[in-house]
């Protein structure tokens, strides 16, 4: 789920894809966030959400989506991690499967592959964002990935790893 503003929030689904296990990723656009999320006047029914939409993520489902206002020359864009749409490491994943990083302008636009295969950068990424770190008094923008590093049944570790923002230009 990625919040852009009061008029746009994207809810991306890992599974199913448009043809159950193949095809396009599915998502919903929330066009009135105040009516969708619980609040003081919430009556228990989510409103402000449109019908299901499709996005070509090359046979992958949404693993993460994040609105990043500093991308695209300050106009902003979504970062999407596309990955396996199956049930997870104990159910269907074979381990070290391909995940892809996309940049997307939002509904009505096509996603652009930023990093086709994230395996050199991260293991099982489940979150992405741009952060600013200060190193030796110099601010640096970094791409941070939150990982789910599966270890064994009943035990998983979480990890975060960051890279220079320049990896988006490779």
N, C-alpha and C. Protein backbone atom coordinates (compact mmCIF):
# COMPACT_ATOMS: atom_id res chain seq x y z
N UNK A 1 0.85 -1.16 0.00
CA UNK A 1 0.00 0.00 0.00
C UNK A 1 0.91 1.23 0.00
N UNK A 2 0.63 2.19 -0.86
CA UNK A 2 1.44 3.41 -0.93
C UNK A 2 0.53 4.63 -0.96
N UNK A 3 0.75 5.52 -0.02
CA UNK A 3 -0.01 6.76 0.07
C UNK A 3 0.73 7.86 -0.70
N UNK A 4 0.04 8.47 -1.65
CA UNK A 4 0.61 9.59 -2.41
C UNK A 4 0.07 10.91 -1.89
N UNK A 5 -1.24 11.01 -1.81
CA UNK A 5 -1.91 12.21 -1.27
C UNK A 5 -3.35 11.84 -0.95
N UNK A 6 -4.14 12.80 -0.52
CA UNK A 6 -5.52 12.51 -0.11
C UNK A 6 -6.37 11.96 -1.24
N UNK A 7 -5.92 12.12 -2.49
CA UNK A 7 -6.68 11.66 -3.64
C UNK A 7 -6.10 10.43 -4.31
N UNK A 8 -4.99 9.90 -3.78
CA UNK A 8 -4.42 8.72 -4.43
C UNK A 8 -3.62 7.88 -3.45
N UNK A 9 -4.06 6.66 -3.31
CA UNK A 9 -3.32 5.64 -2.60
C UNK A 9 -3.45 4.38 -3.44
N UNK A 10 -2.35 3.68 -3.61
CA UNK A 10 -2.34 2.46 -4.42
C UNK A 10 -2.26 1.26 -3.49
N UNK A 11 -3.11 0.29 -3.74
CA UNK A 11 -3.09 -0.98 -3.01
C UNK A 11 -2.70 -2.05 -4.03
N UNK A 12 -1.45 -2.49 -3.99
CA UNK A 12 -0.95 -3.50 -4.92
C UNK A 12 -1.04 -4.89 -4.33
N UNK A 13 -1.38 -5.86 -5.16
CA UNK A 13 -1.54 -7.24 -4.70
C UNK A 13 -0.37 -8.10 -5.16
N UNK A 14 0.08 -8.95 -4.27
CA UNK A 14 1.11 -9.93 -4.64
C UNK A 14 0.50 -11.01 -5.52
N UNK A 15 -0.69 -11.44 -5.14
CA UNK A 15 -1.36 -12.53 -5.83
C UNK A 15 -2.86 -12.35 -5.64
N UNK A 16 -3.66 -12.76 -6.59
CA UNK A 16 -3.32 -13.42 -7.84
C UNK A 16 -2.88 -12.40 -8.89
N UNK A 17 -2.36 -12.92 -9.98
CA UNK A 17 -2.10 -12.11 -11.16
C UNK A 17 -3.35 -12.15 -12.03
N UNK A 18 -3.34 -11.44 -13.15
CA UNK A 18 -4.54 -11.33 -13.98
C UNK A 18 -5.04 -12.67 -14.50
N UNK A 19 -4.17 -13.63 -14.68
CA UNK A 19 -4.57 -14.98 -15.11
C UNK A 19 -4.29 -15.98 -14.00
N UNK A 20 -4.55 -15.59 -12.81
CA UNK A 20 -4.36 -16.35 -11.57
C UNK A 20 -2.89 -16.46 -11.19
N UNK A 21 -2.06 -17.11 -11.99
CA UNK A 21 -0.64 -17.25 -11.65
C UNK A 21 0.29 -16.67 -12.70
N UNK A 22 -0.28 -16.15 -13.80
CA UNK A 22 0.54 -15.50 -14.83
C UNK A 22 -0.16 -14.20 -15.21
N UNK A 23 0.53 -13.38 -15.96
CA UNK A 23 -0.10 -12.17 -16.46
C UNK A 23 0.32 -10.94 -15.69
N UNK A 24 -0.57 -9.98 -15.65
CA UNK A 24 -0.28 -8.68 -15.04
C UNK A 24 -0.56 -8.67 -13.54
N UNK A 25 0.14 -7.77 -12.85
CA UNK A 25 -0.12 -7.55 -11.44
C UNK A 25 -1.42 -6.77 -11.30
N UNK A 26 -2.11 -6.98 -10.19
CA UNK A 26 -3.39 -6.31 -9.94
C UNK A 26 -3.22 -5.28 -8.83
N UNK A 27 -3.95 -4.16 -8.99
CA UNK A 27 -3.91 -3.13 -7.96
C UNK A 27 -5.23 -2.37 -7.95
N UNK A 28 -5.43 -1.66 -6.87
CA UNK A 28 -6.60 -0.79 -6.71
C UNK A 28 -6.12 0.63 -6.46
N UNK A 29 -6.88 1.61 -6.95
CA UNK A 29 -6.60 3.01 -6.67
C UNK A 29 -7.65 3.50 -5.68
N UNK A 30 -7.19 4.02 -4.57
CA UNK A 30 -8.08 4.67 -3.61
C UNK A 30 -8.06 6.15 -3.96
N UNK A 31 -9.20 6.69 -4.37
CA UNK A 31 -9.24 8.08 -4.82
C UNK A 31 -9.84 9.03 -3.78
N UNK A 32 -10.14 8.52 -2.62
CA UNK A 32 -10.59 9.37 -1.51
C UNK A 32 -10.14 8.67 -0.23
N UNK A 33 -8.90 8.97 0.17
CA UNK A 33 -8.28 8.26 1.28
C UNK A 33 -9.06 8.45 2.58
N UNK A 34 -9.61 9.63 2.79
CA UNK A 34 -10.36 9.90 4.03
C UNK A 34 -11.58 8.99 4.15
N UNK A 35 -12.21 8.64 3.04
CA UNK A 35 -13.37 7.74 3.08
C UNK A 35 -12.98 6.27 3.11
N UNK A 36 -11.73 5.98 2.79
CA UNK A 36 -11.28 4.60 2.74
C UNK A 36 -10.75 4.12 4.09
N UNK A 37 -9.96 4.96 4.75
CA UNK A 37 -9.34 4.56 6.01
C UNK A 37 -10.24 4.88 7.19
N UNK A 38 -10.17 4.07 8.23
CA UNK A 38 -10.98 4.35 9.42
C UNK A 38 -10.62 5.71 10.02
N UNK A 39 -11.62 6.44 10.46
CA UNK A 39 -11.44 7.74 11.08
C UNK A 39 -12.63 8.05 11.96
N UNK A 40 -12.74 9.29 12.38
CA UNK A 40 -13.79 9.69 13.31
C UNK A 40 -15.19 9.42 12.74
N UNK A 41 -15.37 9.54 11.43
CA UNK A 41 -16.69 9.36 10.83
C UNK A 41 -16.84 8.04 10.09
N UNK A 42 -15.93 7.12 10.33
CA UNK A 42 -15.93 5.86 9.59
C UNK A 42 -17.08 4.99 10.06
N UNK A 43 -17.82 4.42 9.12
CA UNK A 43 -18.98 3.60 9.47
C UNK A 43 -18.74 2.10 9.27
N UNK A 44 -17.49 1.73 9.08
CA UNK A 44 -17.16 0.31 8.92
C UNK A 44 -17.14 -0.17 7.49
N UNK A 45 -17.45 0.70 6.53
CA UNK A 45 -17.41 0.33 5.13
C UNK A 45 -16.36 1.18 4.41
N UNK A 46 -15.44 0.52 3.73
CA UNK A 46 -14.43 1.24 2.96
C UNK A 46 -15.07 1.83 1.71
N UNK A 47 -14.86 3.10 1.49
CA UNK A 47 -15.38 3.77 0.29
C UNK A 47 -14.21 4.48 -0.38
N UNK A 48 -14.45 5.00 -1.58
CA UNK A 48 -13.41 5.76 -2.27
C UNK A 48 -12.41 4.91 -3.02
N UNK A 49 -12.75 3.65 -3.28
CA UNK A 49 -11.83 2.77 -3.99
C UNK A 49 -12.44 2.38 -5.33
N UNK A 50 -11.61 2.42 -6.36
CA UNK A 50 -12.06 2.05 -7.70
C UNK A 50 -11.92 0.56 -7.93
N UNK A 51 -12.29 0.12 -9.11
CA UNK A 51 -12.19 -1.29 -9.47
C UNK A 51 -10.75 -1.72 -9.69
N UNK A 52 -10.57 -3.00 -9.83
CA UNK A 52 -9.24 -3.57 -10.00
C UNK A 52 -8.61 -3.07 -11.31
N UNK A 53 -7.33 -2.77 -11.25
CA UNK A 53 -6.53 -2.33 -12.40
C UNK A 53 -5.42 -3.34 -12.63
N UNK A 54 -4.82 -3.29 -13.82
CA UNK A 54 -3.71 -4.18 -14.15
C UNK A 54 -2.47 -3.38 -14.48
N UNK A 55 -1.32 -3.93 -14.10
CA UNK A 55 -0.02 -3.30 -14.40
C UNK A 55 0.94 -4.39 -14.84
N UNK A 56 1.60 -4.17 -15.98
CA UNK A 56 2.54 -5.16 -16.50
C UNK A 56 3.85 -5.10 -15.73
N UNK A 57 4.03 -6.06 -14.83
CA UNK A 57 5.29 -6.22 -14.09
C UNK A 57 6.00 -7.49 -14.55
N UNK A 58 5.81 -7.83 -15.82
CA UNK A 58 6.51 -8.97 -16.42
C UNK A 58 6.28 -10.27 -15.67
N UNK A 59 5.03 -10.54 -15.32
CA UNK A 59 4.68 -11.79 -14.66
C UNK A 59 4.94 -11.80 -13.16
N UNK A 60 5.27 -10.66 -12.60
CA UNK A 60 5.51 -10.57 -11.16
C UNK A 60 4.35 -9.86 -10.48
N UNK A 61 4.21 -10.11 -9.18
CA UNK A 61 3.23 -9.40 -8.37
C UNK A 61 3.90 -8.30 -7.57
N UNK A 62 3.10 -7.46 -6.96
CA UNK A 62 3.63 -6.40 -6.09
C UNK A 62 4.21 -7.04 -4.83
N UNK A 63 5.44 -6.75 -4.52
CA UNK A 63 6.02 -7.12 -3.23
C UNK A 63 6.13 -5.88 -2.35
N UNK A 64 6.25 -4.72 -3.00
CA UNK A 64 6.31 -3.45 -2.27
C UNK A 64 5.98 -2.33 -3.24
N UNK A 65 5.37 -1.28 -2.71
CA UNK A 65 5.16 -0.07 -3.49
C UNK A 65 5.30 1.11 -2.53
N UNK A 66 6.03 2.13 -2.97
CA UNK A 66 6.29 3.30 -2.12
C UNK A 66 6.29 4.55 -2.99
N UNK A 67 5.55 5.57 -2.59
CA UNK A 67 5.60 6.87 -3.25
C UNK A 67 6.84 7.60 -2.77
N UNK A 68 7.67 8.08 -3.72
CA UNK A 68 8.90 8.80 -3.39
C UNK A 68 8.83 10.17 -4.06
N UNK A 69 8.53 11.23 -3.29
CA UNK A 69 8.33 12.56 -3.89
C UNK A 69 9.58 13.17 -4.50
N UNK A 70 10.77 12.69 -4.16
CA UNK A 70 12.00 13.28 -4.69
C UNK A 70 12.41 12.70 -6.04
N UNK A 71 11.76 11.64 -6.49
CA UNK A 71 12.10 11.06 -7.80
C UNK A 71 11.52 11.89 -8.93
N UNK A 72 11.99 11.60 -10.14
CA UNK A 72 11.44 12.21 -11.35
C UNK A 72 11.55 13.73 -11.32
N UNK A 73 12.73 14.22 -10.93
CA UNK A 73 12.97 15.65 -10.91
C UNK A 73 12.13 16.39 -9.88
N UNK A 74 11.71 15.71 -8.82
CA UNK A 74 10.89 16.34 -7.79
C UNK A 74 9.40 16.21 -8.03
N UNK A 75 9.01 15.65 -9.18
CA UNK A 75 7.58 15.43 -9.45
C UNK A 75 7.07 14.19 -8.71
N UNK A 76 7.98 13.31 -8.33
CA UNK A 76 7.64 12.11 -7.60
C UNK A 76 7.32 10.94 -8.50
N UNK A 77 7.45 9.76 -7.95
CA UNK A 77 7.13 8.52 -8.65
C UNK A 77 7.04 7.41 -7.61
N UNK A 78 6.41 6.33 -8.00
CA UNK A 78 6.36 5.15 -7.15
C UNK A 78 7.58 4.28 -7.45
N UNK A 79 8.13 3.67 -6.40
CA UNK A 79 9.08 2.58 -6.56
C UNK A 79 8.31 1.30 -6.24
N UNK A 80 8.45 0.33 -7.11
CA UNK A 80 7.75 -0.95 -6.95
C UNK A 80 8.78 -2.06 -6.97
N UNK A 81 8.66 -2.96 -6.02
CA UNK A 81 9.40 -4.21 -6.10
C UNK A 81 8.43 -5.24 -6.65
N UNK A 82 8.76 -5.78 -7.80
CA UNK A 82 8.01 -6.89 -8.37
C UNK A 82 8.72 -8.18 -8.02
N UNK A 83 7.93 -9.19 -7.71
CA UNK A 83 8.56 -10.47 -7.36
C UNK A 83 7.58 -11.60 -7.52
N UNK A 84 7.99 -12.79 -7.09
CA UNK A 84 7.14 -13.97 -7.22
C UNK A 84 5.78 -13.72 -6.57
N UNK A 85 4.75 -14.22 -7.23
CA UNK A 85 3.40 -14.04 -6.70
C UNK A 85 2.94 -15.28 -5.94
N UNK A 86 3.85 -16.21 -5.73
CA UNK A 86 3.49 -17.44 -5.03
C UNK A 86 3.41 -17.21 -3.52
N UNK A 87 3.21 -18.27 -2.79
CA UNK A 87 2.86 -18.17 -1.39
C UNK A 87 3.96 -17.94 -0.39
N UNK A 88 5.21 -18.03 -0.74
CA UNK A 88 6.27 -17.82 0.23
C UNK A 88 7.22 -19.00 0.26
N UNK A 89 8.31 -18.86 1.02
CA UNK A 89 9.37 -19.87 0.96
C UNK A 89 8.94 -21.26 1.42
N UNK A 90 8.04 -21.35 2.37
CA UNK A 90 7.63 -22.69 2.83
C UNK A 90 6.62 -23.32 1.89
N UNK A 91 5.93 -22.50 1.12
CA UNK A 91 4.88 -23.03 0.26
C UNK A 91 5.30 -23.23 -1.18
N UNK A 92 5.95 -22.21 -1.76
CA UNK A 92 6.16 -22.30 -3.20
C UNK A 92 7.47 -21.72 -3.70
N UNK A 93 8.11 -20.82 -2.97
CA UNK A 93 9.32 -20.20 -3.49
C UNK A 93 10.47 -21.20 -3.48
N UNK A 94 11.34 -21.07 -4.45
CA UNK A 94 12.47 -21.96 -4.55
C UNK A 94 13.73 -21.36 -3.94
N UNK A 95 13.68 -20.12 -3.52
CA UNK A 95 14.84 -19.46 -2.93
C UNK A 95 15.62 -18.71 -3.98
N UNK A 96 16.05 -17.54 -3.59
CA UNK A 96 16.87 -16.68 -4.47
C UNK A 96 16.18 -16.44 -5.81
N UNK A 97 14.86 -16.25 -5.78
CA UNK A 97 14.12 -15.97 -7.00
C UNK A 97 14.35 -14.52 -7.42
N UNK A 98 13.99 -14.22 -8.64
CA UNK A 98 14.21 -12.89 -9.21
C UNK A 98 13.18 -11.89 -8.69
N UNK A 99 13.67 -10.75 -8.25
CA UNK A 99 12.87 -9.59 -7.89
C UNK A 99 13.35 -8.44 -8.78
N UNK A 100 12.46 -7.54 -9.13
CA UNK A 100 12.77 -6.44 -10.03
C UNK A 100 12.33 -5.13 -9.40
N UNK A 101 13.13 -4.07 -9.60
CA UNK A 101 12.76 -2.74 -9.11
C UNK A 101 12.26 -1.91 -10.29
N UNK A 102 11.04 -1.38 -10.14
CA UNK A 102 10.41 -0.54 -11.16
C UNK A 102 10.22 0.87 -10.62
N UNK A 103 10.17 1.83 -11.54
CA UNK A 103 9.72 3.18 -11.24
C UNK A 103 8.46 3.41 -12.05
N UNK A 104 7.45 4.00 -11.40
CA UNK A 104 6.14 4.12 -12.04
C UNK A 104 5.54 5.48 -11.71
N UNK A 105 5.03 6.16 -12.73
CA UNK A 105 4.42 7.47 -12.55
C UNK A 105 3.01 7.43 -12.00
N UNK A 106 2.39 6.28 -11.96
CA UNK A 106 1.03 6.14 -11.44
C UNK A 106 0.07 5.70 -12.51
N UNK A 107 -1.21 5.60 -12.16
CA UNK A 107 -2.23 5.14 -13.11
C UNK A 107 -2.17 5.90 -14.43
N UNK A 108 -2.31 5.14 -15.51
CA UNK A 108 -2.26 5.73 -16.85
C UNK A 108 -0.87 5.77 -17.44
N UNK A 109 0.15 5.33 -16.69
CA UNK A 109 1.52 5.29 -17.20
C UNK A 109 2.04 3.86 -17.10
N UNK A 110 3.13 3.59 -17.78
CA UNK A 110 3.75 2.26 -17.75
C UNK A 110 4.97 2.28 -16.83
N UNK A 111 5.21 1.22 -16.09
CA UNK A 111 6.39 1.17 -15.24
C UNK A 111 7.67 1.04 -16.06
N UNK A 112 8.75 1.55 -15.51
CA UNK A 112 10.07 1.47 -16.13
C UNK A 112 10.95 0.60 -15.24
N UNK A 113 11.62 -0.38 -15.82
CA UNK A 113 12.53 -1.22 -15.05
C UNK A 113 13.74 -0.38 -14.67
N UNK A 114 14.03 -0.31 -13.39
CA UNK A 114 15.22 0.39 -12.89
C UNK A 114 16.35 -0.59 -12.64
N UNK A 115 16.02 -1.72 -12.02
CA UNK A 115 17.00 -2.80 -11.81
C UNK A 115 16.26 -4.10 -12.11
N UNK A 116 16.66 -4.75 -13.21
CA UNK A 116 15.95 -5.95 -13.67
C UNK A 116 16.05 -7.09 -12.68
N UNK A 117 17.19 -7.29 -12.08
CA UNK A 117 17.40 -8.40 -11.16
C UNK A 117 18.07 -7.86 -9.90
N UNK A 118 17.36 -7.89 -8.79
CA UNK A 118 17.87 -7.32 -7.54
C UNK A 118 18.79 -8.27 -6.77
N UNK A 119 19.02 -9.47 -7.25
CA UNK A 119 19.83 -10.43 -6.49
C UNK A 119 21.23 -9.93 -6.14
N UNK A 120 21.89 -9.12 -6.98
CA UNK A 120 23.21 -8.62 -6.54
C UNK A 120 23.11 -7.59 -5.40
N UNK A 121 21.91 -7.06 -5.16
CA UNK A 121 21.75 -5.97 -4.20
C UNK A 121 21.06 -6.38 -2.90
N UNK A 122 20.17 -7.37 -2.96
CA UNK A 122 19.35 -7.69 -1.80
C UNK A 122 18.78 -9.10 -1.93
N UNK A 123 18.43 -9.70 -0.79
CA UNK A 123 17.78 -11.01 -0.79
C UNK A 123 16.33 -10.84 -0.39
N UNK A 124 15.41 -11.37 -1.12
CA UNK A 124 13.97 -11.34 -0.82
C UNK A 124 13.49 -9.98 -0.34
N UNK A 125 13.61 -8.94 -1.15
CA UNK A 125 13.18 -7.61 -0.72
C UNK A 125 11.67 -7.52 -0.58
N UNK A 126 11.22 -6.93 0.52
CA UNK A 126 9.79 -6.76 0.78
C UNK A 126 9.44 -5.30 1.03
N UNK A 127 10.39 -4.41 0.90
CA UNK A 127 10.15 -2.98 1.07
C UNK A 127 11.26 -2.18 0.43
N UNK A 128 10.93 -0.96 -0.04
CA UNK A 128 11.92 -0.10 -0.68
C UNK A 128 11.54 1.35 -0.41
N UNK A 129 12.54 2.19 -0.28
CA UNK A 129 12.34 3.63 -0.14
C UNK A 129 13.65 4.34 -0.42
N UNK A 130 13.59 5.65 -0.55
CA UNK A 130 14.78 6.48 -0.65
C UNK A 130 14.93 7.18 0.69
N UNK A 131 16.13 7.10 1.27
CA UNK A 131 16.40 7.76 2.53
C UNK A 131 17.61 8.68 2.36
N UNK A 132 17.78 9.59 3.30
CA UNK A 132 18.96 10.44 3.30
C UNK A 132 19.77 10.14 4.56
N UNK A 133 21.02 9.76 4.35
CA UNK A 133 21.96 9.54 5.44
C UNK A 133 23.00 10.63 5.40
N UNK A 134 23.49 11.02 6.56
CA UNK A 134 24.56 12.01 6.62
C UNK A 134 25.84 11.28 7.02
N UNK A 135 26.83 11.32 6.14
CA UNK A 135 28.12 10.68 6.37
C UNK A 135 29.18 11.77 6.29
N UNK A 136 29.94 11.93 7.36
CA UNK A 136 30.95 13.00 7.43
C UNK A 136 30.35 14.36 7.08
N UNK A 137 29.17 14.63 7.64
CA UNK A 137 28.46 15.89 7.45
C UNK A 137 27.99 16.13 6.02
N UNK A 138 27.97 15.10 5.22
CA UNK A 138 27.51 15.22 3.83
C UNK A 138 26.26 14.34 3.66
N UNK A 139 25.10 14.95 3.34
CA UNK A 139 23.90 14.14 3.12
C UNK A 139 24.01 13.34 1.82
N UNK A 140 23.60 12.07 1.92
CA UNK A 140 23.64 11.18 0.77
C UNK A 140 22.29 10.49 0.64
N UNK A 141 21.72 10.53 -0.57
CA UNK A 141 20.48 9.78 -0.80
C UNK A 141 20.85 8.34 -1.08
N UNK A 142 20.11 7.44 -0.43
CA UNK A 142 20.36 6.01 -0.56
C UNK A 142 19.05 5.29 -0.85
N UNK A 143 19.15 4.18 -1.56
CA UNK A 143 18.01 3.30 -1.77
C UNK A 143 18.09 2.25 -0.67
N UNK A 144 17.03 2.16 0.15
CA UNK A 144 17.02 1.18 1.23
C UNK A 144 16.03 0.07 0.89
N UNK A 145 16.47 -1.16 1.10
CA UNK A 145 15.63 -2.33 0.91
C UNK A 145 15.44 -2.99 2.27
N UNK A 146 14.20 -3.36 2.56
CA UNK A 146 13.91 -4.16 3.74
C UNK A 146 13.70 -5.58 3.24
N UNK A 147 14.44 -6.50 3.84
CA UNK A 147 14.45 -7.88 3.38
C UNK A 147 13.75 -8.80 4.36
N UNK A 148 13.30 -9.91 3.84
CA UNK A 148 12.81 -11.01 4.66
C UNK A 148 13.74 -12.17 4.37
N UNK A 149 14.69 -12.36 5.23
CA UNK A 149 15.68 -13.42 5.00
C UNK A 149 15.23 -14.69 5.69
N UNK A 150 14.61 -15.53 4.92
CA UNK A 150 14.10 -16.80 5.42
C UNK A 150 15.26 -17.67 5.88
N UNK A 151 15.15 -18.22 7.08
CA UNK A 151 16.20 -19.08 7.60
C UNK A 151 15.76 -20.55 7.70
N UNK A 152 14.67 -20.79 8.38
CA UNK A 152 14.16 -22.14 8.56
C UNK A 152 12.71 -22.03 8.99
N UNK A 153 11.98 -23.13 8.95
CA UNK A 153 10.58 -23.10 9.31
C UNK A 153 10.41 -22.51 10.71
N UNK A 154 9.51 -21.51 10.80
CA UNK A 154 9.25 -20.87 12.07
C UNK A 154 10.25 -19.80 12.46
N UNK A 155 11.24 -19.57 11.64
CA UNK A 155 12.27 -18.59 11.98
C UNK A 155 12.68 -17.81 10.76
N UNK A 156 12.55 -16.53 10.81
CA UNK A 156 12.99 -15.66 9.73
C UNK A 156 13.67 -14.45 10.34
N UNK A 157 14.56 -13.86 9.62
CA UNK A 157 15.20 -12.64 10.11
C UNK A 157 14.84 -11.50 9.18
N UNK A 158 14.76 -10.35 9.72
CA UNK A 158 14.52 -9.13 8.94
C UNK A 158 15.85 -8.40 8.83
N UNK A 159 16.03 -7.71 7.74
CA UNK A 159 17.27 -7.01 7.51
C UNK A 159 16.97 -5.79 6.64
N UNK A 160 17.76 -4.76 6.79
CA UNK A 160 17.68 -3.61 5.91
C UNK A 160 19.08 -3.37 5.35
N UNK A 161 19.12 -3.07 4.08
CA UNK A 161 20.39 -2.81 3.42
C UNK A 161 20.20 -1.60 2.52
N UNK A 162 21.21 -0.73 2.43
CA UNK A 162 21.05 0.44 1.57
C UNK A 162 22.23 0.58 0.62
N UNK A 163 21.91 1.19 -0.51
CA UNK A 163 22.86 1.37 -1.60
C UNK A 163 22.79 2.83 -2.05
N UNK A 164 23.86 3.33 -2.70
CA UNK A 164 23.79 4.69 -3.27
C UNK A 164 22.63 4.81 -4.26
N UNK A 165 22.00 5.96 -4.29
CA UNK A 165 20.88 6.16 -5.20
C UNK A 165 21.30 5.96 -6.66
N UNK A 166 22.56 6.06 -6.94
CA UNK A 166 23.06 5.90 -8.31
C UNK A 166 22.76 4.52 -8.88
N UNK A 167 22.45 3.51 -8.05
CA UNK A 167 22.12 2.20 -8.61
C UNK A 167 20.85 2.27 -9.45
N UNK A 168 20.02 3.30 -9.24
CA UNK A 168 18.81 3.45 -10.06
C UNK A 168 19.13 3.87 -11.48
N UNK A 169 20.34 4.33 -11.72
CA UNK A 169 20.74 4.80 -13.04
C UNK A 169 21.50 3.76 -13.85
N UNK A 170 21.79 2.63 -13.23
CA UNK A 170 22.60 1.61 -13.91
C UNK A 170 21.80 0.91 -14.99
